């Protein structure tokens, strides 16, 4: 996924997705950062909606 949130330190960078989950009713993606750590990032901060066509069709799955 590419970070598209303006002003974010990783804006424009392509990151690997390790998983996804819903938190407080909002979809978050577990992304692998350039330093190889992991971070939960709101899906709305990524280009997920451009890749899937519509956010409402993306189902959250539990992280393992």
C-alpha atoms as a PDB file:
ATOM      1  CA  UNK A   1       0.000   0.000   0.000  1.00  0.00           C
ATOM      2  CA  UNK A   2       1.103   3.533  -0.635  1.00  0.00           C
ATOM      3  CA  UNK A   3       0.718   6.136   2.135  1.00  0.00           C
ATOM      4  CA  UNK A   4      -1.265   9.076   0.715  1.00  0.00           C
ATOM      5  CA  UNK A   5      -1.917  11.137   3.861  1.00  0.00           C
ATOM      6  CA  UNK A   6      -0.449  14.604   3.372  1.00  0.00           C
ATOM      7  CA  UNK A   7       2.320  15.468   5.783  1.00  0.00           C
ATOM      8  CA  UNK A   8       2.807  11.857   6.961  1.00  0.00           C
ATOM      9  CA  UNK A   9       6.495  10.965   7.355  1.00  0.00           C
ATOM     10  CA  UNK A  10       6.020   8.038   4.944  1.00  0.00           C
ATOM     11  CA  UNK A  11       3.829   9.865   2.406  1.00  0.00           C
ATOM     12  CA  UNK A  12       4.337   8.398  -1.073  1.00  0.00           C
ATOM     13  CA  UNK A  13       6.133   5.281   0.121  1.00  0.00           C
ATOM     14  CA  UNK A  14       4.962   1.810  -0.867  1.00  0.00           C
ATOM     15  CA  UNK A  15       4.719  -0.525   2.145  1.00  0.00           C
ATOM     16  CA  UNK A  16       3.933  -4.225   2.439  1.00  0.00           C
ATOM     17  CA  UNK A  17       0.663  -5.214   4.138  1.00  0.00           C
ATOM     18  CA  UNK A  18       0.900  -7.874   6.811  1.00  0.00           C
ATOM     19  CA  UNK A  19      -2.753  -7.844   7.888  1.00  0.00           C
ATOM     20  CA  UNK A  20      -5.834  -5.751   8.524  1.00  0.00           C
ATOM     21  CA  UNK A  21      -8.375  -5.218  11.298  1.00  0.00           C
ATOM     22  CA  UNK A  22     -11.153  -2.917  12.395  1.00  0.00           C
ATOM     23  CA  UNK A  23     -10.521  -0.612  15.347  1.00  0.00           C
ATOM     24  CA  UNK A  24     -13.228   1.707  16.617  1.00  0.00           C
ATOM     25  CA  UNK A  25     -15.227   0.936  13.476  1.00  0.00           C
ATOM     26  CA  UNK A  26     -12.411   2.005  11.139  1.00  0.00           C
ATOM     27  CA  UNK A  27     -10.330  -0.314   8.946  1.00  0.00           C
ATOM     28  CA  UNK A  28      -6.603  -0.289   9.775  1.00  0.00           C
ATOM     29  CA  UNK A  29      -3.784  -2.001   7.907  1.00  0.00           C
ATOM     30  CA  UNK A  30      -0.781  -3.585   9.595  1.00  0.00           C
ATOM     31  CA  UNK A  31       2.084  -2.324   7.442  1.00  0.00           C
ATOM     32  CA  UNK A  32       5.765  -3.197   7.477  1.00  0.00           C
ATOM     33  CA  UNK A  33       7.736   0.038   7.794  1.00  0.00           C
ATOM     34  CA  UNK A  34      11.088   0.695   6.079  1.00  0.00           C
ATOM     35  CA  UNK A  35      12.885   0.010   9.388  1.00  0.00           C
ATOM     36  CA  UNK A  36      11.190  -3.445   9.334  1.00  0.00           C
ATOM     37  CA  UNK A  37       8.973  -2.641  12.329  1.00  0.00           C
ATOM     38  CA  UNK A  38       5.183  -2.825  12.034  1.00  0.00           C
ATOM     39  CA  UNK A  39       2.509  -0.185  12.426  1.00  0.00           C
ATOM     40  CA  UNK A  40      -1.290  -0.092  12.289  1.00  0.00           C
ATOM     41  CA  UNK A  41      -2.213   2.685   9.864  1.00  0.00           C
ATOM     42  CA  UNK A  42      -5.784   3.762   9.079  1.00  0.00           C
ATOM     43  CA  UNK A  43      -6.711   2.424   5.637  1.00  0.00           C
ATOM     44  CA  UNK A  44      -8.013   5.901   4.806  1.00  0.00           C
ATOM     45  CA  UNK A  45      -4.367   7.110   4.920  1.00  0.00           C
ATOM     46  CA  UNK A  46      -3.461   4.708   2.098  1.00  0.00           C
ATOM     47  CA  UNK A  47      -4.368   4.175  -1.532  1.00  0.00           C
ATOM     48  CA  UNK A  48      -6.482   1.117  -0.647  1.00  0.00           C
ATOM     49  CA  UNK A  49      -9.670   2.740  -1.980  1.00  0.00           C
ATOM     50  CA  UNK A  50      -7.941   3.311  -5.339  1.00  0.00           C
ATOM     51  CA  UNK A  51      -6.865  -0.327  -5.516  1.00  0.00           C
ATOM     52  CA  UNK A  52     -10.231  -1.816  -4.501  1.00  0.00           C
ATOM     53  CA  UNK A  53     -12.587   0.684  -6.124  1.00  0.00           C
ATOM     54  CA  UNK A  54     -14.650   1.249  -2.985  1.00  0.00           C
ATOM     55  CA  UNK A  55     -13.754   1.096   0.684  1.00  0.00           C
ATOM     56  CA  UNK A  56     -17.109  -0.380   1.628  1.00  0.00           C
ATOM     57  CA  UNK A  57     -16.271  -3.643  -0.143  1.00  0.00           C
ATOM     58  CA  UNK A  58     -13.146  -4.327   1.936  1.00  0.00           C
ATOM     59  CA  UNK A  59     -13.689  -6.761   4.803  1.00  0.00           C
ATOM     60  CA  UNK A  60     -11.563  -6.611   7.928  1.00  0.00           C
ATOM     61  CA  UNK A  61      -9.986  -9.879   8.935  1.00  0.00           C
ATOM     62  CA  UNK A  62      -8.461 -10.749  12.290  1.00  0.00           C
ATOM     63  CA  UNK A  63      -4.698 -10.472  12.612  1.00  0.00           C
ATOM     64  CA  UNK A  64      -2.919 -13.695  13.475  1.00  0.00           C
END
